[in-house]
Amino acid sequence: MTTTTSDPSAAWPQTLVGAGVLLTGLALAFGAISISSEAGYGGVGPNFLPWLVSVGLTVCGAWIIWEARSGGFRELDPPSGAAQAYWPGFAWVSAGLLLNAALITTIGFILSCTLCYLLAVQGLRRASGQTGVNAPRTWATDLVVGLLISAPVFWMFTKFLAINLPGLTNTGWI
């Protein structure tokens, strides 16, 4: 089922979202001004991607504002989910992000990102009402999947892109 926004007061939150996207694009463009434009490998300079993203965000922000001010988002599906936020799930996800930030230099990228994934998935599982979230098998599966995601990302950045990420050891593999 789709709805059409006809209430003018409903367009203000949409307009604010558009303004936020537009301002983000303009702020990125302001920052891109200070980046060197000397062409590097392949004929593009280091400022190419920031300019590309800033133009994309600015166009999208202006489009969102235009949509909101000309009648709101048309054919918008009604909101789904619970009427109230599930705060315990928010706490799980927040704990994962904060622990990742706090521990990344202590236990390394792989283990801190695995912990972040484990806690975030637990929060999302609980928020969606899944059963068996406290089962050891669920925790083990989430742990293994977190490792299978974070380890290749770490190796890709450190070995192939030569970007230093904090590791547990000085070998560069963990």
N, C-alpha and C. Protein backbone atom coordinates (compact mmCIF):
# COMPACT_ATOMS: atom_id res chain seq x y z
N MET A 1 0.84 -1.18 0.00
CA MET A 1 0.00 0.00 0.00
C MET A 1 0.87 1.23 0.00
N THR A 2 0.51 2.19 -0.77
CA THR A 2 1.28 3.42 -0.85
C THR A 2 0.41 4.60 -0.45
N THR A 3 1.07 5.63 0.00
CA THR A 3 0.37 6.84 0.41
C THR A 3 1.02 8.03 -0.28
N THR A 4 0.28 9.10 -0.36
CA THR A 4 0.80 10.35 -0.91
C THR A 4 0.75 11.39 0.18
N THR A 5 1.83 12.14 0.34
CA THR A 5 1.89 13.17 1.37
C THR A 5 1.08 14.36 0.91
N SER A 6 0.04 14.72 1.68
CA SER A 6 -0.73 15.91 1.34
C SER A 6 -0.69 16.94 2.47
N ASP A 7 -0.28 16.52 3.66
CA ASP A 7 -0.19 17.41 4.80
C ASP A 7 1.11 18.21 4.69
N PRO A 8 1.01 19.55 4.59
CA PRO A 8 2.23 20.36 4.44
C PRO A 8 3.20 20.22 5.61
N SER A 9 2.68 19.96 6.81
CA SER A 9 3.59 19.83 7.95
C SER A 9 4.41 18.54 7.88
N ALA A 10 3.94 17.55 7.14
CA ALA A 10 4.69 16.31 6.98
C ALA A 10 5.90 16.51 6.08
N ALA A 11 5.92 17.56 5.28
CA ALA A 11 7.03 17.80 4.36
C ALA A 11 8.25 18.40 5.06
N TRP A 12 8.06 19.00 6.25
CA TRP A 12 9.19 19.64 6.91
C TRP A 12 10.28 18.65 7.32
N PRO A 13 9.96 17.50 7.92
CA PRO A 13 11.05 16.55 8.21
C PRO A 13 11.77 16.09 6.94
N GLN A 14 11.02 15.91 5.86
CA GLN A 14 11.64 15.53 4.60
C GLN A 14 12.54 16.64 4.08
N THR A 15 12.11 17.87 4.23
CA THR A 15 12.91 19.02 3.82
C THR A 15 14.19 19.11 4.64
N LEU A 16 14.09 18.84 5.93
CA LEU A 16 15.28 18.88 6.78
C LEU A 16 16.28 17.80 6.40
N VAL A 17 15.80 16.62 6.04
CA VAL A 17 16.70 15.56 5.57
C VAL A 17 17.41 16.02 4.30
N GLY A 18 16.67 16.58 3.38
CA GLY A 18 17.26 17.09 2.15
C GLY A 18 18.28 18.18 2.41
N ALA A 19 17.96 19.08 3.34
CA ALA A 19 18.90 20.15 3.68
C ALA A 19 20.17 19.57 4.30
N GLY A 20 20.03 18.55 5.12
CA GLY A 20 21.20 17.90 5.71
C GLY A 20 22.10 17.27 4.66
N VAL A 21 21.49 16.59 3.69
CA VAL A 21 22.25 15.98 2.61
C VAL A 21 22.92 17.06 1.75
N LEU A 22 22.18 18.11 1.44
CA LEU A 22 22.73 19.21 0.65
C LEU A 22 23.91 19.87 1.37
N LEU A 23 23.76 20.15 2.65
CA LEU A 23 24.85 20.78 3.42
C LEU A 23 26.06 19.85 3.54
N THR A 24 25.82 18.55 3.64
CA THR A 24 26.93 17.61 3.68
C THR A 24 27.70 17.64 2.37
N GLY A 25 26.99 17.67 1.26
CA GLY A 25 27.64 17.77 -0.04
C GLY A 25 28.44 19.05 -0.19
N LEU A 26 27.87 20.17 0.27
CA LEU A 26 28.59 21.44 0.18
C LEU A 26 29.80 21.48 1.10
N ALA A 27 29.68 20.89 2.28
CA ALA A 27 30.83 20.82 3.19
C ALA A 27 31.94 19.96 2.61
N LEU A 28 31.58 18.86 1.97
CA LEU A 28 32.58 18.01 1.33
C LEU A 28 33.25 18.76 0.18
N ALA A 29 32.48 19.53 -0.58
CA ALA A 29 33.05 20.32 -1.66
C ALA A 29 34.02 21.37 -1.11
N PHE A 30 33.65 22.00 0.00
CA PHE A 30 34.54 22.98 0.64
C PHE A 30 35.84 22.32 1.05
N GLY A 31 35.77 21.11 1.59
CA GLY A 31 36.99 20.39 1.96
C GLY A 31 37.79 19.94 0.76
N ALA A 32 37.12 19.61 -0.34
CA ALA A 32 37.81 19.15 -1.55
C ALA A 32 38.61 20.26 -2.21
N ILE A 33 38.26 21.50 -1.91
CA ILE A 33 39.00 22.63 -2.50
C ILE A 33 40.48 22.58 -2.09
N SER A 34 40.75 22.14 -0.88
CA SER A 34 42.13 22.15 -0.38
C SER A 34 42.93 20.93 -0.81
N ILE A 35 42.33 19.99 -1.50
CA ILE A 35 43.03 18.78 -1.94
C ILE A 35 43.69 19.05 -3.29
N SER A 36 44.91 18.60 -3.43
CA SER A 36 45.66 18.81 -4.67
C SER A 36 44.94 18.17 -5.85
N SER A 37 45.03 18.84 -7.00
CA SER A 37 44.37 18.31 -8.19
C SER A 37 45.36 17.75 -9.20
N GLU A 38 46.61 17.60 -8.81
CA GLU A 38 47.61 17.05 -9.72
C GLU A 38 47.21 15.65 -10.13
N ALA A 39 47.21 15.39 -11.43
CA ALA A 39 46.82 14.09 -11.95
C ALA A 39 47.84 13.04 -11.53
N GLY A 40 47.34 11.94 -11.07
CA GLY A 40 48.19 10.83 -10.68
C GLY A 40 48.06 9.70 -11.67
N TYR A 41 48.23 8.52 -11.20
CA TYR A 41 48.13 7.34 -12.05
C TYR A 41 46.72 7.24 -12.62
N GLY A 42 46.60 7.05 -13.91
CA GLY A 42 45.29 6.94 -14.54
C GLY A 42 44.68 8.28 -14.92
N GLY A 43 45.40 9.38 -14.70
CA GLY A 43 44.92 10.68 -15.14
C GLY A 43 44.00 11.40 -14.19
N VAL A 44 43.69 10.84 -13.05
CA VAL A 44 42.84 11.54 -12.09
C VAL A 44 43.66 11.86 -10.85
N GLY A 45 43.33 12.96 -10.24
CA GLY A 45 44.04 13.38 -9.05
C GLY A 45 43.33 12.91 -7.79
N PRO A 46 43.94 13.18 -6.64
CA PRO A 46 43.37 12.73 -5.37
C PRO A 46 42.08 13.45 -4.99
N ASN A 47 41.77 14.54 -5.68
CA ASN A 47 40.54 15.27 -5.35
C ASN A 47 39.35 14.80 -6.20
N PHE A 48 39.55 13.87 -7.10
CA PHE A 48 38.47 13.43 -7.99
C PHE A 48 37.30 12.81 -7.21
N LEU A 49 37.59 11.85 -6.34
CA LEU A 49 36.51 11.16 -5.62
C LEU A 49 35.77 12.10 -4.65
N PRO A 50 36.47 12.93 -3.87
CA PRO A 50 35.71 13.87 -3.02
C PRO A 50 34.80 14.79 -3.82
N TRP A 51 35.27 15.26 -4.99
CA TRP A 51 34.42 16.12 -5.82
C TRP A 51 33.24 15.34 -6.37
N LEU A 52 33.47 14.11 -6.80
CA LEU A 52 32.40 13.28 -7.33
C LEU A 52 31.32 13.04 -6.27
N VAL A 53 31.75 12.69 -5.07
CA VAL A 53 30.79 12.45 -3.98
C VAL A 53 30.07 13.73 -3.59
N SER A 54 30.80 14.83 -3.53
CA SER A 54 30.15 16.10 -3.14
C SER A 54 29.11 16.53 -4.16
N VAL A 55 29.41 16.37 -5.44
CA VAL A 55 28.43 16.71 -6.47
C VAL A 55 27.21 15.80 -6.36
N GLY A 56 27.44 14.50 -6.16
CA GLY A 56 26.34 13.56 -6.01
C GLY A 56 25.46 13.89 -4.81
N LEU A 57 26.08 14.19 -3.67
CA LEU A 57 25.30 14.54 -2.48
C LEU A 57 24.55 15.85 -2.66
N THR A 58 25.18 16.83 -3.29
CA THR A 58 24.52 18.11 -3.50
C THR A 58 23.31 17.96 -4.41
N VAL A 59 23.46 17.20 -5.49
CA VAL A 59 22.33 16.98 -6.40
C VAL A 59 21.21 16.22 -5.69
N CYS A 60 21.57 15.17 -4.95
CA CYS A 60 20.55 14.39 -4.22
C CYS A 60 19.85 15.25 -3.16
N GLY A 61 20.62 16.06 -2.43
CA GLY A 61 20.02 16.93 -1.42
C GLY A 61 19.05 17.93 -2.02
N ALA A 62 19.44 18.53 -3.15
CA ALA A 62 18.53 19.48 -3.82
C ALA A 62 17.29 18.76 -4.32
N TRP A 63 17.45 17.57 -4.82
CA TRP A 63 16.31 16.79 -5.32
C TRP A 63 15.36 16.42 -4.18
N ILE A 64 15.91 16.02 -3.05
CA ILE A 64 15.07 15.69 -1.89
C ILE A 64 14.29 16.91 -1.43
N ILE A 65 14.95 18.06 -1.38
CA ILE A 65 14.26 19.29 -0.99
C ILE A 65 13.15 19.61 -1.98
N TRP A 66 13.43 19.50 -3.27
CA TRP A 66 12.41 19.78 -4.28
C TRP A 66 11.23 18.83 -4.13
N GLU A 67 11.50 17.54 -3.94
CA GLU A 67 10.42 16.57 -3.74
C GLU A 67 9.58 16.91 -2.52
N ALA A 68 10.25 17.24 -1.42
CA ALA A 68 9.54 17.54 -0.18
C ALA A 68 8.68 18.80 -0.31
N ARG A 69 9.21 19.83 -0.96
CA ARG A 69 8.49 21.10 -1.06
C ARG A 69 7.42 21.07 -2.14
N SER A 70 7.46 20.11 -3.05
CA SER A 70 6.45 20.06 -4.12
C SER A 70 5.39 18.99 -3.86
N GLY A 71 5.19 18.66 -2.60
CA GLY A 71 4.13 17.72 -2.28
C GLY A 71 4.57 16.51 -1.47
N GLY A 72 5.82 16.43 -1.15
CA GLY A 72 6.31 15.31 -0.35
C GLY A 72 6.62 14.09 -1.19
N PHE A 73 7.16 13.10 -0.54
CA PHE A 73 7.53 11.88 -1.24
C PHE A 73 6.27 11.14 -1.66
N ARG A 74 6.10 10.99 -2.95
CA ARG A 74 4.92 10.32 -3.47
C ARG A 74 5.14 8.82 -3.44
N GLU A 75 4.06 8.11 -3.36
CA GLU A 75 4.11 6.64 -3.35
C GLU A 75 4.98 6.10 -2.22
N LEU A 76 4.91 6.76 -1.08
CA LEU A 76 5.70 6.38 0.08
C LEU A 76 4.99 5.27 0.84
N ASP A 77 5.67 4.17 1.09
CA ASP A 77 5.09 3.07 1.85
C ASP A 77 4.89 3.51 3.30
N PRO A 78 3.85 3.01 3.95
CA PRO A 78 3.66 3.35 5.37
C PRO A 78 4.78 2.76 6.21
N PRO A 79 5.09 3.37 7.35
CA PRO A 79 6.17 2.86 8.19
C PRO A 79 5.88 1.44 8.67
N SER A 80 6.92 0.66 8.76
CA SER A 80 6.78 -0.70 9.28
C SER A 80 7.57 -0.81 10.58
N GLY A 81 7.36 -1.88 11.28
CA GLY A 81 8.10 -2.11 12.52
C GLY A 81 7.31 -1.65 13.73
N ALA A 82 7.97 -1.69 14.86
CA ALA A 82 7.34 -1.35 16.13
C ALA A 82 7.16 0.17 16.25
N ALA A 83 6.17 0.53 17.04
CA ALA A 83 5.91 1.95 17.25
C ALA A 83 6.99 2.59 18.13
N GLN A 84 7.59 1.80 19.00
CA GLN A 84 8.63 2.30 19.91
C GLN A 84 9.97 1.67 19.56
N ALA A 85 11.03 2.39 19.85
CA ALA A 85 12.37 1.87 19.61
C ALA A 85 12.67 0.72 20.57
N TYR A 86 13.48 -0.22 20.13
CA TYR A 86 13.90 -1.33 20.97
C TYR A 86 15.27 -0.96 21.55
N TRP A 87 15.26 -0.36 22.74
CA TRP A 87 16.45 0.19 23.34
C TRP A 87 17.51 -0.86 23.70
N PRO A 88 17.14 -2.06 24.14
CA PRO A 88 18.20 -3.05 24.39
C PRO A 88 19.01 -3.37 23.12
N GLY A 89 18.35 -3.45 21.97
CA GLY A 89 19.07 -3.68 20.72
C GLY A 89 20.01 -2.53 20.41
N PHE A 90 19.54 -1.31 20.64
CA PHE A 90 20.38 -0.13 20.45
C PHE A 90 21.60 -0.20 21.36
N ALA A 91 21.41 -0.66 22.59
CA ALA A 91 22.52 -0.77 23.53
C ALA A 91 23.55 -1.81 23.05
N TRP A 92 23.08 -2.94 22.52
CA TRP A 92 23.99 -3.96 21.99
C TRP A 92 24.83 -3.41 20.84
N VAL A 93 24.18 -2.77 19.88
CA VAL A 93 24.88 -2.23 18.72
C VAL A 93 25.85 -1.12 19.15
N SER A 94 25.41 -0.24 20.03
CA SER A 94 26.27 0.84 20.51
C SER A 94 27.48 0.29 21.25
N ALA A 95 27.26 -0.75 22.07
CA ALA A 95 28.38 -1.36 22.79
C ALA A 95 29.39 -1.93 21.81
N GLY A 96 28.91 -2.55 20.74
CA GLY A 96 29.82 -3.09 19.73
C GLY A 96 30.66 -2.00 19.09
N LEU A 97 30.03 -0.90 18.71
CA LEU A 97 30.76 0.20 18.07
C LEU A 97 31.75 0.86 19.03
N LEU A 98 31.31 1.10 20.26
CA LEU A 98 32.19 1.76 21.24
C LEU A 98 33.36 0.87 21.64
N LEU A 99 33.10 -0.43 21.83
CA LEU A 99 34.20 -1.34 22.17
C LEU A 99 35.17 -1.48 21.01
N ASN A 100 34.67 -1.47 19.80
CA ASN A 100 35.55 -1.51 18.63
C ASN A 100 36.48 -0.31 18.64
N ALA A 101 35.93 0.86 18.85
CA ALA A 101 36.75 2.08 18.87
C ALA A 101 37.74 2.07 20.03
N ALA A 102 37.33 1.55 21.17
CA ALA A 102 38.19 1.55 22.35
C ALA A 102 39.29 0.50 22.28
N LEU A 103 39.02 -0.63 21.64
CA LEU A 103 39.95 -1.76 21.69
C LEU A 103 40.76 -1.98 20.42
N ILE A 104 40.50 -1.25 19.37
CA ILE A 104 41.14 -1.55 18.09
C ILE A 104 42.67 -1.45 18.17
N THR A 105 43.20 -0.52 18.93
CA THR A 105 44.65 -0.40 19.04
C THR A 105 45.23 -1.37 20.06
N THR A 106 44.38 -1.95 20.90
CA THR A 106 44.85 -2.89 21.92
C THR A 106 44.83 -4.33 21.43
N ILE A 107 43.71 -4.76 20.86
CA ILE A 107 43.59 -6.15 20.43
C ILE A 107 43.65 -6.30 18.91
N GLY A 108 43.79 -5.21 18.20
CA GLY A 108 43.94 -5.26 16.75
C GLY A 108 42.62 -5.16 16.01
N PHE A 109 42.74 -4.90 14.71
CA PHE A 109 41.59 -4.68 13.84
C PHE A 109 40.69 -5.91 13.77
N ILE A 110 41.28 -7.07 13.54
CA ILE A 110 40.48 -8.27 13.31
C ILE A 110 39.63 -8.61 14.52
N LEU A 111 40.24 -8.67 15.70
CA LEU A 111 39.48 -9.05 16.89
C LEU A 111 38.47 -7.97 17.31
N SER A 112 38.85 -6.70 17.18
CA SER A 112 37.90 -5.64 17.58
C SER A 112 36.71 -5.57 16.62
N CYS A 113 36.96 -5.77 15.33
CA CYS A 113 35.85 -5.76 14.37
C CYS A 113 34.98 -7.01 14.52
N THR A 114 35.59 -8.12 14.86
CA THR A 114 34.81 -9.33 15.12
C THR A 114 33.91 -9.12 16.32
N LEU A 115 34.44 -8.52 17.37
CA LEU A 115 33.63 -8.22 18.56
C LEU A 115 32.50 -7.26 18.21
N CYS A 116 32.79 -6.24 17.41
CA CYS A 116 31.77 -5.29 16.98
C CYS A 116 30.66 -6.02 16.22
N TYR A 117 31.04 -6.88 15.29
CA TYR A 117 30.06 -7.64 14.51
C TYR A 117 29.22 -8.53 15.43
N LEU A 118 29.87 -9.23 16.33
CA LEU A 118 29.18 -10.14 17.24
C LEU A 118 28.12 -9.41 18.06
N LEU A 119 28.49 -8.30 18.65
CA LEU A 119 27.55 -7.55 19.50
C LEU A 119 26.45 -6.89 18.67
N ALA A 120 26.80 -6.35 17.51
CA ALA A 120 25.79 -5.70 16.67
C ALA A 120 24.77 -6.71 16.17
N VAL A 121 25.22 -7.88 15.76
CA VAL A 121 24.29 -8.91 15.28
C VAL A 121 23.40 -9.39 16.41
N GLN A 122 23.95 -9.51 17.61
CA GLN A 122 23.12 -9.90 18.75
C GLN A 122 22.02 -8.87 18.98
N GLY A 123 22.37 -7.59 18.91
CA GLY A 123 21.36 -6.55 19.08
C GLY A 123 20.30 -6.60 18.01
N LEU A 124 20.72 -6.81 16.77
CA LEU A 124 19.75 -6.87 15.67
C LEU A 124 18.88 -8.12 15.76
N ARG A 125 19.46 -9.23 16.18
CA ARG A 125 18.66 -10.46 16.36
C ARG A 125 17.60 -10.25 17.44
N ARG A 126 18.00 -9.65 18.53
CA ARG A 126 17.05 -9.42 19.63
C ARG A 126 15.97 -8.42 19.22
N ALA A 127 16.35 -7.39 18.48
CA ALA A 127 15.38 -6.39 18.03
C ALA A 127 14.35 -6.99 17.08
N SER A 128 14.76 -7.97 16.28
CA SER A 128 13.82 -8.58 15.34
C SER A 128 13.01 -9.70 15.99
N GLY A 129 13.29 -9.99 17.27
CA GLY A 129 12.51 -10.98 17.99
C GLY A 129 12.91 -12.42 17.70
N GLN A 130 14.11 -12.65 17.21
CA GLN A 130 14.55 -14.02 16.93
C GLN A 130 14.67 -14.81 18.22
N THR A 131 14.37 -16.08 18.12
CA THR A 131 14.50 -16.96 19.28
C THR A 131 15.87 -17.63 19.23
N GLY A 132 16.33 -18.08 20.38
CA GLY A 132 17.60 -18.78 20.47
C GLY A 132 18.82 -17.88 20.37
N VAL A 133 18.67 -16.61 20.69
CA VAL A 133 19.81 -15.71 20.57
C VAL A 133 20.88 -15.98 21.63
N ASN A 134 20.51 -16.61 22.72
CA ASN A 134 21.48 -16.91 23.78
C ASN A 134 22.11 -18.29 23.61
N ALA A 135 21.75 -19.01 22.56
CA ALA A 135 22.31 -20.34 22.34
C ALA A 135 23.79 -20.23 22.00
N PRO A 136 24.61 -21.13 22.56
CA PRO A 136 26.04 -21.09 22.26
C PRO A 136 26.34 -21.23 20.76
N ARG A 137 25.51 -21.99 20.05
CA ARG A 137 25.73 -22.15 18.62
C ARG A 137 25.55 -20.83 17.87
N THR A 138 24.57 -20.02 18.28
CA THR A 138 24.34 -18.72 17.64
C THR A 138 25.54 -17.81 17.88
N TRP A 139 26.03 -17.78 19.10
CA TRP A 139 27.19 -16.95 19.42
C TRP A 139 28.42 -17.42 18.64
N ALA A 140 28.61 -18.74 18.56
CA ALA A 140 29.76 -19.28 17.83
C ALA A 140 29.67 -18.95 16.34
N THR A 141 28.48 -19.09 15.79
CA THR A 141 28.30 -18.78 14.37
C THR A 141 28.59 -17.31 14.09
N ASP A 142 28.07 -16.43 14.94
CA ASP A 142 28.32 -15.00 14.76
C ASP A 142 29.80 -14.67 14.91
N LEU A 143 30.48 -15.34 15.83
CA LEU A 143 31.91 -15.13 16.02
C LEU A 143 32.70 -15.54 14.78
N VAL A 144 32.39 -16.71 14.26
CA VAL A 144 33.10 -17.21 13.07
C VAL A 144 32.82 -16.30 11.86
N VAL A 145 31.57 -15.90 11.67
CA VAL A 145 31.24 -15.02 10.54
C VAL A 145 31.96 -13.68 10.69
N GLY A 146 32.00 -13.15 11.90
CA GLY A 146 32.74 -11.90 12.14
C GLY A 146 34.20 -12.02 11.78
N LEU A 147 34.82 -13.15 12.14
CA LEU A 147 36.22 -13.39 11.77
C LEU A 147 36.38 -13.53 10.27
N LEU A 148 35.45 -14.22 9.63
CA LEU A 148 35.52 -14.43 8.19
C LEU A 148 35.32 -13.14 7.39
N ILE A 149 34.70 -12.16 8.01
CA ILE A 149 34.54 -10.86 7.35
C ILE A 149 35.74 -9.95 7.65
N SER A 150 36.14 -9.86 8.91
CA SER A 150 37.16 -8.88 9.30
C SER A 150 38.57 -9.29 8.88
N ALA A 151 38.90 -10.56 8.88
CA ALA A 151 40.26 -10.97 8.52
C ALA A 151 40.58 -10.65 7.06
N PRO A 152 39.75 -11.03 6.09
CA PRO A 152 40.09 -10.65 4.71
C PRO A 152 40.12 -9.14 4.47
N VAL A 153 39.27 -8.40 5.18
CA VAL A 153 39.30 -6.94 5.04
C VAL A 153 40.64 -6.41 5.54
N PHE A 154 41.09 -6.92 6.70
CA PHE A 154 42.38 -6.51 7.26
C PHE A 154 43.51 -6.82 6.28
N TRP A 155 43.52 -8.04 5.76
CA TRP A 155 44.58 -8.44 4.84
C TRP A 155 44.53 -7.65 3.54
N MET A 156 43.35 -7.37 3.04
CA MET A 156 43.22 -6.60 1.81
C MET A 156 43.81 -5.20 2.01
N PHE A 157 43.49 -4.56 3.12
CA PHE A 157 43.99 -3.22 3.37
C PHE A 157 45.48 -3.22 3.63
N THR A 158 45.98 -4.15 4.46
CA THR A 158 47.39 -4.12 4.84
C THR A 158 48.31 -4.70 3.78
N LYS A 159 47.93 -5.78 3.13
CA LYS A 159 48.81 -6.46 2.19
C LYS A 159 48.71 -5.91 0.78
N PHE A 160 47.49 -5.62 0.31
CA PHE A 160 47.32 -5.22 -1.08
C PHE A 160 47.25 -3.71 -1.28
N LEU A 161 46.70 -3.00 -0.32
CA LEU A 161 46.58 -1.55 -0.45
C LEU A 161 47.65 -0.80 0.34
N ALA A 162 48.43 -1.53 1.16
CA ALA A 162 49.51 -0.95 1.97
C ALA A 162 49.01 0.15 2.90
N ILE A 163 47.83 -0.07 3.48
CA ILE A 163 47.27 0.85 4.47
C ILE A 163 47.45 0.21 5.83
N ASN A 164 48.08 0.93 6.73
CA ASN A 164 48.36 0.38 8.05
C ASN A 164 47.11 0.38 8.92
N LEU A 165 46.73 -0.80 9.38
CA LEU A 165 45.67 -0.96 10.35
C LEU A 165 46.27 -1.60 11.59
N PRO A 166 45.75 -1.31 12.76
CA PRO A 166 46.33 -1.89 13.97
C PRO A 166 46.15 -3.40 14.00
N GLY A 167 47.24 -4.09 14.26
CA GLY A 167 47.20 -5.54 14.35
C GLY A 167 47.50 -5.99 15.76
N LEU A 168 47.23 -7.26 16.02
CA LEU A 168 47.52 -7.84 17.33
C LEU A 168 49.00 -8.11 17.48
N THR A 169 49.65 -8.48 16.38
CA THR A 169 51.08 -8.73 16.37
C THR A 169 51.74 -7.84 15.34
N ASN A 170 53.05 -7.87 15.30
CA ASN A 170 53.78 -7.07 14.32
C ASN A 170 54.01 -7.80 13.01
N THR A 171 53.47 -9.01 12.87
CA THR A 171 53.68 -9.78 11.65
C THR A 171 52.88 -9.23 10.49
N GLY A 172 51.80 -8.54 10.75
CA GLY A 172 50.95 -8.01 9.69
C GLY A 172 49.87 -8.98 9.24
N TRP A 173 49.82 -10.15 9.88
CA TRP A 173 48.81 -11.14 9.48
C TRP A 173 47.69 -11.27 10.49
N ILE A 174 47.88 -10.78 11.68
CA ILE A 174 46.80 -10.88 12.70
C ILE A 174 46.60 -9.51 13.32
